Protein backbone atom coordinates (compact mmCIF):
# COMPACT_ATOMS: atom_id res chain seq x y z
CA UNK A 1 58.22 -40.86 -27.76
CA UNK A 2 57.61 -40.45 -24.04
CA UNK A 3 58.90 -43.22 -21.80
CA UNK A 4 56.29 -45.56 -20.37
CA UNK A 5 53.57 -44.94 -22.97
CA UNK A 6 51.95 -48.01 -24.46
CA UNK A 7 51.50 -48.63 -28.16
CA UNK A 8 48.73 -50.42 -30.02
CA UNK A 9 49.65 -52.97 -32.72
CA UNK A 10 49.02 -50.20 -35.28
CA UNK A 11 51.45 -47.64 -33.85
CA UNK A 12 53.95 -47.95 -36.70
CA UNK A 13 51.14 -47.68 -39.25
CA UNK A 14 50.02 -44.38 -37.75
CA UNK A 15 53.55 -42.98 -37.79
CA UNK A 16 54.04 -44.08 -41.40
CA UNK A 17 50.83 -42.27 -42.38
CA UNK A 18 52.08 -39.05 -40.79
CA UNK A 19 49.67 -39.03 -37.86
CA UNK A 20 50.24 -36.61 -35.02
CA UNK A 21 50.59 -38.80 -31.96
CA UNK A 22 49.53 -37.81 -28.45
CA UNK A 23 49.41 -39.35 -25.00
CA UNK A 24 45.88 -40.60 -24.35
CA UNK A 25 45.23 -42.58 -21.17
CA UNK A 26 48.84 -43.74 -21.19
CA UNK A 27 48.81 -44.77 -24.85
CA UNK A 28 50.48 -43.29 -27.91
CA UNK A 29 47.45 -42.58 -30.10
CA UNK A 30 46.84 -40.63 -33.33
CA UNK A 31 44.92 -37.41 -32.74
CA UNK A 32 44.74 -36.58 -36.45
CA UNK A 33 46.15 -37.36 -39.89
CA UNK A 34 45.07 -34.90 -42.62
CA UNK A 35 43.08 -32.83 -40.14
CA UNK A 36 40.23 -33.21 -37.68
CA UNK A 37 37.59 -31.43 -39.78
CA UNK A 38 38.44 -33.37 -42.96
CA UNK A 39 38.35 -36.65 -41.05
CA UNK A 40 35.08 -35.70 -39.39
CA UNK A 41 33.40 -34.95 -42.72
CA UNK A 42 34.79 -38.17 -44.20
CA UNK A 43 32.92 -40.18 -41.57
CA UNK A 44 29.70 -38.21 -41.91
CA UNK A 45 29.69 -38.55 -45.71
CA UNK A 46 31.70 -41.68 -46.51
CA UNK A 47 33.79 -43.96 -44.33
CA UNK A 48 36.56 -43.52 -41.79
CA UNK A 49 38.52 -45.99 -39.72
CA UNK A 50 39.78 -45.60 -36.17
CA UNK A 51 42.29 -47.57 -34.17
CA UNK A 52 40.60 -48.25 -30.84
CA UNK A 53 42.85 -51.12 -29.82
CA UNK A 54 43.63 -49.34 -26.57
CA UNK A 55 40.19 -50.31 -25.25
CA UNK A 56 39.87 -53.15 -22.75
CA UNK A 57 38.28 -56.49 -23.63
CA UNK A 58 37.25 -58.91 -20.89
CA UNK A 59 35.62 -62.28 -21.40
CA UNK A 60 33.57 -64.19 -18.82
CA UNK A 61 32.57 -67.86 -18.96
CA UNK A 62 30.34 -70.18 -16.97
CA UNK A 63 26.75 -71.08 -16.25
CA UNK A 64 26.72 -68.42 -13.52
CA UNK A 65 28.37 -65.68 -15.63
CA UNK A 66 25.11 -63.89 -16.42
CA UNK A 67 23.92 -63.96 -12.83
CA UNK A 68 27.25 -62.56 -11.61
CA UNK A 69 27.41 -59.79 -14.20
CA UNK A 70 23.77 -58.83 -13.51
CA UNK A 71 24.88 -57.76 -10.06
CA UNK A 72 27.80 -55.72 -11.41
CA UNK A 73 26.19 -53.71 -14.24
CA UNK A 74 23.09 -51.52 -14.04
CA UNK A 75 21.35 -52.51 -17.27
CA UNK A 76 19.37 -55.74 -17.54
CA UNK A 77 21.17 -58.62 -19.23
CA UNK A 78 17.81 -60.26 -19.84
CA UNK A 79 17.59 -57.84 -22.76
CA UNK A 80 20.41 -59.74 -24.49
CA UNK A 81 19.33 -63.32 -23.97
CA UNK A 82 19.99 -64.10 -27.64
CA UNK A 83 23.60 -64.97 -28.40
CA UNK A 84 25.15 -62.10 -30.34
CA UNK A 85 23.08 -59.33 -28.76
CA UNK A 86 24.73 -56.41 -26.98
CA UNK A 87 23.77 -53.54 -24.71
CA UNK A 88 25.22 -50.33 -23.36
CA UNK A 89 25.43 -49.99 -19.59
CA UNK A 90 27.27 -48.40 -16.72
CA UNK A 91 28.93 -50.02 -13.74
CA UNK A 92 28.60 -48.28 -10.38
CA UNK A 93 30.01 -48.43 -6.88
CA UNK A 94 27.93 -48.74 -3.72
CA UNK A 95 27.32 -44.97 -3.64
CA UNK A 96 25.99 -44.96 -7.21
CA UNK A 97 29.11 -43.36 -8.68
CA UNK A 98 29.92 -44.41 -12.23
CA UNK A 99 33.06 -46.56 -12.35
CA UNK A 100 32.83 -46.85 -16.15
CA UNK A 101 30.46 -47.14 -19.08
CA UNK A 102 30.66 -50.42 -20.96
CA UNK A 103 29.29 -52.47 -23.81
CA UNK A 104 28.35 -56.04 -22.89
CA UNK A 105 28.10 -58.62 -25.70
CA UNK A 106 26.40 -62.00 -25.22
CA UNK A 107 29.19 -63.68 -27.16
CA UNK A 108 28.39 -67.35 -26.49
CA UNK A 109 25.94 -69.71 -24.79
CA UNK A 110 27.51 -69.14 -21.37
CA UNK A 111 29.93 -66.39 -22.37
CA UNK A 112 29.96 -62.58 -22.22
CA UNK A 113 32.40 -60.08 -23.68
CA UNK A 114 32.79 -56.65 -22.08
CA UNK A 115 34.50 -53.70 -23.78
CA UNK A 116 35.79 -51.06 -21.37
CA UNK A 117 37.44 -47.67 -21.65
CA UNK A 118 41.23 -47.68 -21.91
CA UNK A 119 41.65 -45.24 -19.03
CA UNK A 120 39.73 -47.58 -16.72
CA UNK A 121 40.99 -50.95 -17.90
CA UNK A 122 42.86 -51.96 -14.74
CA UNK A 123 40.28 -50.41 -12.42
CA UNK A 124 37.41 -52.16 -14.21
CA UNK A 125 39.17 -55.51 -14.24
CA UNK A 126 39.96 -55.34 -10.54
CA UNK A 127 36.42 -54.25 -9.67
CA UNK A 128 34.67 -56.88 -11.74
CA UNK A 129 36.88 -59.79 -10.77
CA UNK A 130 36.67 -58.85 -7.07
CA UNK A 131 32.89 -59.24 -7.30
CA UNK A 132 32.82 -62.51 -9.24
CA UNK A 133 32.11 -65.85 -7.58
CA UNK A 134 34.68 -68.57 -7.96
CA UNK A 135 32.57 -70.49 -10.45
CA UNK A 136 32.87 -67.79 -13.14
CA UNK A 137 36.01 -67.76 -15.27
CA UNK A 138 37.38 -64.36 -16.31
CA UNK A 139 40.03 -63.61 -18.94
CA UNK A 140 41.55 -60.22 -19.79
CA UNK A 141 42.00 -60.41 -23.56
CA UNK A 142 42.98 -56.77 -24.02
CA UNK A 143 46.64 -57.29 -24.91
CA UNK A 144 45.93 -59.89 -27.57
CA UNK A 145 42.94 -58.09 -29.09
CA UNK A 146 42.96 -55.34 -31.69
CA UNK A 147 39.85 -53.26 -32.35
CA UNK A 148 39.27 -51.18 -35.48
CA UNK A 149 36.14 -49.05 -35.91
CA UNK A 150 34.82 -48.68 -39.47
CA UNK A 151 32.26 -45.88 -39.45
CA UNK A 152 30.16 -43.96 -41.95
CA UNK A 153 27.35 -44.40 -44.47
CA UNK A 154 29.66 -46.43 -46.75
CA UNK A 155 31.15 -48.59 -43.97
CA UNK A 156 28.94 -51.65 -44.40
CA UNK A 157 29.54 -51.61 -48.15
CA UNK A 158 33.29 -51.84 -47.61
CA UNK A 159 32.95 -54.77 -45.20
CA UNK A 160 30.49 -56.53 -47.51
CA UNK A 161 32.89 -56.23 -50.44
CA UNK A 162 35.68 -57.75 -48.39
CA UNK A 163 33.56 -60.44 -46.74
CA UNK A 164 31.86 -61.71 -49.89
CA UNK A 165 28.36 -62.06 -51.27
CA UNK A 166 27.17 -64.50 -48.62
CA UNK A 167 27.97 -62.19 -45.71
CA UNK A 168 25.15 -60.41 -43.92
CA UNK A 169 25.82 -57.62 -41.41
CA UNK A 170 24.66 -58.17 -37.84
CA UNK A 171 21.73 -56.21 -36.50
CA UNK A 172 22.43 -52.89 -34.84
CA UNK A 173 23.95 -53.56 -31.41
CA UNK A 174 24.68 -57.18 -32.22
CA UNK A 175 27.77 -59.28 -32.83
CA UNK A 176 28.57 -61.33 -35.92
CA UNK A 177 31.62 -62.59 -37.75
CA UNK A 178 33.34 -62.33 -41.11
CA UNK A 179 36.46 -63.43 -42.94
CA UNK A 180 38.30 -60.53 -44.57
CA UNK A 181 40.90 -61.73 -47.06
CA UNK A 182 41.56 -64.79 -44.92
CA UNK A 183 41.48 -62.99 -41.55
CA UNK A 184 38.72 -64.02 -39.16
CA UNK A 185 37.14 -61.10 -37.32
CA UNK A 186 34.28 -60.50 -34.96
CA UNK A 187 32.00 -57.81 -36.34
CA UNK A 188 30.06 -55.68 -33.86
CA UNK A 189 27.55 -53.27 -35.33
CA UNK A 190 28.39 -50.63 -32.79
CA UNK A 191 30.29 -47.35 -32.80
CA UNK A 192 30.83 -43.97 -31.21
CA UNK A 193 30.20 -41.61 -34.13
CA UNK A 194 26.44 -41.56 -34.72
CA UNK A 195 26.96 -43.11 -38.14
CA UNK A 196 26.22 -46.67 -39.15
CA UNK A 197 29.20 -48.98 -39.16
CA UNK A 198 31.00 -51.71 -37.30
CA UNK A 199 33.84 -52.40 -34.91
CA UNK A 200 36.16 -55.24 -35.89
CA UNK A 201 37.80 -57.45 -33.28
CA UNK A 202 40.82 -59.47 -34.36
CA UNK A 203 43.97 -60.96 -32.89
CA UNK A 204 46.62 -58.29 -32.38
CA UNK A 205 48.92 -60.11 -34.81
CA UNK A 206 46.36 -59.55 -37.60
CA UNK A 207 45.73 -55.86 -36.91
CA UNK A 208 48.14 -54.50 -39.50
CA UNK A 209 46.75 -56.79 -42.20
CA UNK A 210 43.16 -55.69 -41.51
CA UNK A 211 44.14 -52.00 -41.30
CA UNK A 212 45.98 -52.11 -44.63
CA UNK A 213 43.16 -54.07 -46.22
CA UNK A 214 40.67 -51.39 -45.27
CA UNK A 215 42.97 -48.63 -46.50
CA UNK A 216 43.28 -50.36 -49.87
CA UNK A 217 39.94 -48.72 -50.68
CA UNK A 218 40.47 -45.16 -51.88
CA UNK A 219 37.38 -43.91 -50.09
CA UNK A 220 38.51 -45.12 -46.66
CA UNK A 221 40.03 -42.33 -44.55
CA UNK A 222 42.17 -42.97 -41.43
CA UNK A 223 40.85 -40.91 -38.52
CA UNK A 224 42.24 -39.94 -35.13
CA UNK A 225 40.96 -39.21 -31.67
CA UNK A 226 40.18 -35.60 -32.59
CA UNK A 227 37.50 -36.53 -35.11
CA UNK A 228 36.25 -39.29 -32.84
CA UNK A 229 35.61 -36.64 -30.20
CA UNK A 230 33.83 -34.15 -32.48
CA UNK A 231 31.70 -36.92 -33.97
CA UNK A 232 30.62 -38.34 -30.60
CA UNK A 233 29.92 -34.89 -29.13
CA UNK A 234 27.70 -33.90 -32.07
CA UNK A 235 25.61 -36.90 -31.03
CA UNK A 236 25.77 -36.08 -27.32
CA UNK A 237 27.50 -39.38 -26.53
CA UNK A 238 29.16 -39.14 -23.11
CA UNK A 239 32.89 -39.46 -22.51
CA UNK A 240 34.11 -41.01 -19.29
CA UNK A 241 36.32 -38.60 -17.37
CA UNK A 242 34.57 -35.55 -18.84
CA UNK A 243 30.82 -36.17 -18.79
CA UNK A 244 30.83 -38.71 -15.99
CA UNK A 245 33.07 -40.22 -13.37
CA UNK A 246 32.87 -41.83 -9.97
CA UNK A 247 31.52 -38.63 -8.45
CA UNK A 248 28.40 -38.71 -10.63
CA UNK A 249 25.38 -41.02 -10.59
CA UNK A 250 23.63 -42.24 -13.77
CA UNK A 251 20.46 -40.23 -13.14
CA UNK A 252 22.33 -36.93 -12.94
CA UNK A 253 24.36 -37.95 -16.02
CA UNK A 254 21.23 -38.47 -18.10
CA UNK A 255 21.77 -42.23 -18.19
CA UNK A 256 18.69 -43.29 -16.28
CA UNK A 257 17.67 -45.28 -19.36
CA UNK A 258 20.46 -47.78 -18.64
CA UNK A 259 19.17 -48.26 -15.08
CA UNK A 260 15.80 -50.01 -15.46
CA UNK A 261 13.34 -49.22 -12.68
CA UNK A 262 12.44 -52.91 -12.57
CA UNK A 263 15.99 -53.98 -11.69
CA UNK A 264 17.20 -53.59 -8.11
CA UNK A 265 19.76 -56.32 -7.50
CA UNK A 266 22.94 -54.57 -8.64
CA UNK A 267 25.71 -52.71 -6.84
CA UNK A 268 24.67 -49.11 -6.24
CA UNK A 269 20.96 -49.75 -6.78
CA UNK A 270 19.80 -48.28 -3.46
CA UNK A 271 21.82 -45.08 -3.86
CA UNK A 272 20.61 -44.58 -7.43
CA UNK A 273 17.00 -45.21 -6.41
CA UNK A 274 17.27 -42.46 -3.81
CA UNK A 275 18.51 -39.97 -6.42
CA UNK A 276 15.78 -41.02 -8.82
CA UNK A 277 13.08 -40.58 -6.19
CA UNK A 278 14.31 -37.22 -4.87
CA UNK A 279 15.46 -35.92 -8.22
CA UNK A 280 19.06 -34.95 -8.96
CA UNK A 281 20.32 -31.58 -7.78
CA UNK A 282 22.28 -31.18 -11.03
CA UNK A 283 21.78 -32.59 -14.50
CA UNK A 284 24.03 -33.02 -17.50
CA UNK A 285 22.59 -30.98 -20.37
CA UNK A 286 23.48 -30.24 -23.95
CA UNK A 287 24.31 -26.68 -24.93
CA UNK A 288 24.18 -25.04 -28.33
CA UNK A 289 26.73 -22.22 -28.58
CA UNK A 290 26.40 -19.68 -31.37
CA UNK A 291 29.92 -18.23 -31.20
CA UNK A 292 33.30 -19.35 -29.93
CA UNK A 293 34.47 -22.83 -29.09
CA UNK A 294 33.50 -24.13 -25.62
CA UNK A 295 36.07 -26.33 -23.90
CA UNK A 296 36.15 -28.58 -20.86
CA UNK A 297 36.28 -26.57 -17.65
CA UNK A 298 34.94 -23.28 -19.03
CA UNK A 299 32.47 -21.57 -16.67
CA UNK A 300 28.74 -21.76 -17.37
CA UNK A 301 26.77 -18.71 -16.22
CA UNK A 302 23.16 -17.80 -15.60
CA UNK A 303 22.36 -14.11 -15.35
CA UNK A 304 26.04 -13.44 -14.75
CA UNK A 305 26.47 -15.97 -11.94
CA UNK A 306 28.53 -19.14 -12.31
CA UNK A 307 26.29 -22.21 -12.15
CA UNK A 308 28.51 -24.92 -13.58
CA UNK A 309 31.37 -25.83 -15.88
CA UNK A 310 31.57 -27.28 -19.37
CA UNK A 311 32.03 -31.05 -19.23
CA UNK A 312 32.71 -31.55 -22.96
CA UNK A 313 32.87 -28.90 -25.66
CA UNK A 314 33.96 -28.49 -29.24
CA UNK A 315 33.32 -26.86 -32.60
CA UNK A 316 30.81 -29.06 -34.43
CA UNK A 317 31.99 -29.30 -38.06
CA UNK A 318 28.64 -30.59 -39.33
CA UNK A 319 26.78 -27.65 -37.79
CA UNK A 320 29.34 -24.87 -38.07
CA UNK A 321 29.10 -23.75 -34.44
CA UNK A 322 29.98 -24.85 -30.94
CA UNK A 323 28.27 -27.53 -28.87
CA UNK A 324 28.87 -28.59 -25.31
CA UNK A 325 27.66 -30.52 -22.31
CA UNK A 326 27.61 -29.21 -18.75
CA UNK A 327 26.25 -30.01 -15.32
CA UNK A 328 23.83 -27.30 -14.24
CA UNK A 329 21.27 -27.01 -11.44
CA UNK A 330 18.19 -29.10 -12.22
CA UNK A 331 16.03 -25.96 -12.37
CA UNK A 332 18.14 -24.71 -15.29
CA UNK A 333 18.12 -28.00 -17.22
CA UNK A 334 14.90 -27.39 -19.16
CA UNK A 335 15.37 -27.35 -22.92
CA UNK A 336 15.40 -23.76 -24.17
CA UNK A 337 16.88 -22.29 -20.99
CA UNK A 338 19.27 -19.48 -21.87
CA UNK A 339 22.71 -19.60 -20.26
CA UNK A 340 26.14 -18.20 -21.03
CA UNK A 341 29.65 -19.63 -21.31
CA UNK A 342 32.80 -17.70 -20.51
CA UNK A 343 35.16 -18.29 -23.44
CA UNK A 344 38.54 -16.59 -23.29
CA UNK A 345 37.30 -13.70 -21.14
CA UNK A 346 34.28 -13.23 -23.35
CA UNK A 347 30.78 -14.27 -22.33
CA UNK A 348 28.78 -15.87 -25.15
CA UNK A 349 25.17 -17.09 -25.19
CA UNK A 350 24.30 -20.77 -24.90
CA UNK A 351 20.94 -22.54 -25.03
CA UNK A 352 20.06 -25.80 -23.31
CA UNK A 353 19.39 -28.29 -26.09
CA UNK A 354 18.49 -31.95 -26.24
CA UNK A 355 21.16 -34.07 -27.97
CA UNK A 356 21.79 -35.32 -30.53
CA UNK A 357 22.79 -31.97 -31.94
CA UNK A 358 22.95 -33.59 -35.41
CA UNK A 359 19.66 -35.27 -36.22
CA UNK A 360 20.15 -36.86 -39.62
CA UNK A 361 22.86 -39.50 -40.02
CA UNK A 362 23.18 -42.88 -41.68
CA UNK A 363 22.48 -44.42 -38.28
CA UNK A 364 19.25 -42.48 -37.80
CA UNK A 365 18.22 -43.63 -41.28
CA UNK A 366 18.47 -47.28 -40.16
CA UNK A 367 15.99 -46.57 -37.36
CA UNK A 368 13.36 -44.92 -39.57
């Protein structure tokens, strides 16, 4: 193990299961167990579990907590006035650059819970707390919190069997609770796979118990970061550091929907409004690739001329071909535009496509 890398409470469990461990954002994390494709298909057809305890969890308290956070995030917290509701948002600097993408949960009467990316945990904490008034209390609960994602069309059935007949799952993008074999957990009906499912918050001391409890079901498959990436990219879900960063604004990143036009009192609002009015010079688009596997950094071409680089790319196991995202000039962002990607000295065709690349999932079924 490399010196200085952090470990989640489930590190020893991953090693015992034969996971291949990698350095991810300074953490020792499992990239795969049996294999990325097998794990991917397990989530699409059944249920897989992911250790995402490396994520950051921040809690904010006080009668002025909502007002303070409204200024920090782009999306409108009025949308989650009901306790338990959640929303996806980004947090920007004064120039409109994306500091991180977040999920905000209205976790109590005067309380909010924010889940942040592991790679940005310290940056996010410093940014948020530096913009909070003194009458809002902030607590970084990351070290004492474990987070396990249970994803797939059979995920809710597993949780229901453990939680008992009286348990009802929360609405999509809402927070509830459950007791699993004596362990109290928060249950968020959220995820990063495109399948229905939940993310379980528990105290780090209970992580092993919950993990083993889930794996006591024969149909539950442990999954690593590799499958998490292929699953999210088939849906076109963005990844911070690849599809967006501080050098990109939400409009260019295709995230204008988390920046309501009616909201203007947040950090970065003026810069984002200027981009929205003028139109972005580049846009993040989805690309369908018929041959080869596109990877981050590969050149994107139009009529033989380089016009951009792949932001995220992979082989999509559900589809049997490659998919990618890339920033290209706005004039080339129209769905159906034909481009090319240079893959290992070979130029292959790519077509601008509107994600999700996979249309039918257990999550899409809940919306119909």
